[in-house]
């Protein structure tokens, strides 16, 4: 069956089941019906195959099986599935919660902002109503529930920034300018209000919990204590159910002890283990909120000291100096309120999970379970980890596989382990018993996935035939749909899950950080005493410094190219000079006779003057 065909079958079956359930009574959530349809298709006992086309008869069979599972008496397996679906429908990561709170605030402010910007009041009564709307806008932007005290404090803070007499000027602004002004007021007035509250405390140093009573100081302890209390209760139930299963499935169990169903105990164990995993996620988010509140407290203290220093150092303050500080204080207040809202959401999710928990009274009377455990020792997860910590994998003996050890991996305890940290070998060999693995024994890395185990023997046997073990675990999860979410097998069993419903990871998967020993050798005194810290070897850096020193922007010739400009290039060319070559071709051997030469004077400028002839011929004997 193709992905598109499977998507169509699931959608049609879900719509039909929702219509039938709505006719009989309260309809279950659509996500629960959709998950149950997928679980029925995955279960090999129902006879559906992923490669077959779903006929009309098979479609009726699918709807009948799903209807039976949804309408049967409340079982622990169905309670676990309901718990998982309810959590996935209501839980969101921190970023999504903050974005949702921001969208809610913008939605509430949109109507009030439109009423303020469209107001054309002229009379004093209309101006008073407009001023009250601006106060409401500021209160809504903070997200805190308005009351009489909050309105009085906000009005006092608003009058220092926008007095009632300045509304006439505000009315003359354009709509875009009004909206911008409202946004500025929403980020300044809460800061002034918070500073006024801190000033009324006198000489003592107030905290955010003192200034925002019932929000930060009430939500954080209420949520964390409630989560810790229920987490401890679920862990105790998980340890008790594990001890009972180990006793009943062992060879030394007595016939009278079989009054408690092993299958029911497994469903109860899956239920409390799922509840424990969900509470740990809520606990991590609550811890993150607590750290964020601490950071906001430090930021509030530093900004308050800075603001008071600015106000005391000058008699006349400019808005450019104090308004940015007020905006920071307003952001601190808004951040605290958002953290408190997130804590309330987490606490509501915790309370909503209570009806799905498999308590002892859903299995048997408390006395009978305690009687079965009289001669048995209930071992906690920490005790099991301590008992198996002396067993270590030796990577040299397990060459084909890659193993991560605490000595070579820095973030081993934070790695995303497969099967939600449970031991896959124990899950198969102990017929569905879920025991948390111990990463200190050694973590098997295979295809960018990490597996932990309860003992060295379990790790060795699982690594020897890991592909078969993983396939068998996936087949076992198809028989018990609550194991799909409990063991985090949603991606492995996604053959009938549409791509649009696959949830993207909120964070990048963590990779192991390998550590190894290393040593370096340095001189006793490596620092030189004659180092010129102003020395620069880079020619281009020297040019940049020269440009800064020249500051050509303030010079008259800043845009003129001159012969002496730093941008002039010097070109050097190498040439080959011509050679002078002489060649002797002949030799003169004859004699040279003197040439006869005579010089006559007195021939010009006279007709009858004397003429003198001088013989210049050189004699032969010279």
Foldseek 3Di string as FASTA:
>chain_A
DAQVQLVVLLVVLLVVLQVVQVVVHDGDDSLLLSLLLLLCQLAVVNPHDLPDHQDPVNSVSSSVVSNCVVPPPDALLSLLSVLVSLCVVQDDDPVVLVVVVVVVLCVVLPVLLVCLLPDDDDDPVSLVVSLQSLLVNLVSNLVDDDDDVSSVLLLVLVCVPQNSVCVVVLNPDHSVVNVVVSVLSSLQSVLSSLLVQQVVVPPDGDFPCVSDPPFLVPLLVVLLVLLVVLLVVLQVLLLLLLQLLCQVLDPPHDPVSPPFPSVSSLSLNLRSLSVNVVSVVLNVLSVVLVVVLVVLRVVLVVLSVVLVVVPVVDPDDDCVVRRVSSSSSSVSSSSSNSSSVVSVSSSVSNVVSVVSHDDPVNGPDPVSSVVSCPPPDRDGLVNLLVVALVAADDCVVVVVWDKDAVVWFPPQVVACAFQRQWALLCCPVSVRRTHGFHCNNIWTADPNHTHGHSHPVSVVVCVVPVVVSVVVVVSVCSNRVSSCVNRVVCVVSCSSPNPVPDDDDPDDHDDTDTDDDDDDDDDPDPDDPPDDPPDDDDPVVVVVVVCVVVVLVPPPCSPPDDPPDPPDDDDDDDDDDDDDDDDDDDDDDDDDAWDWDKDKPDPPPDDPDDIDIGTPTDDPVD
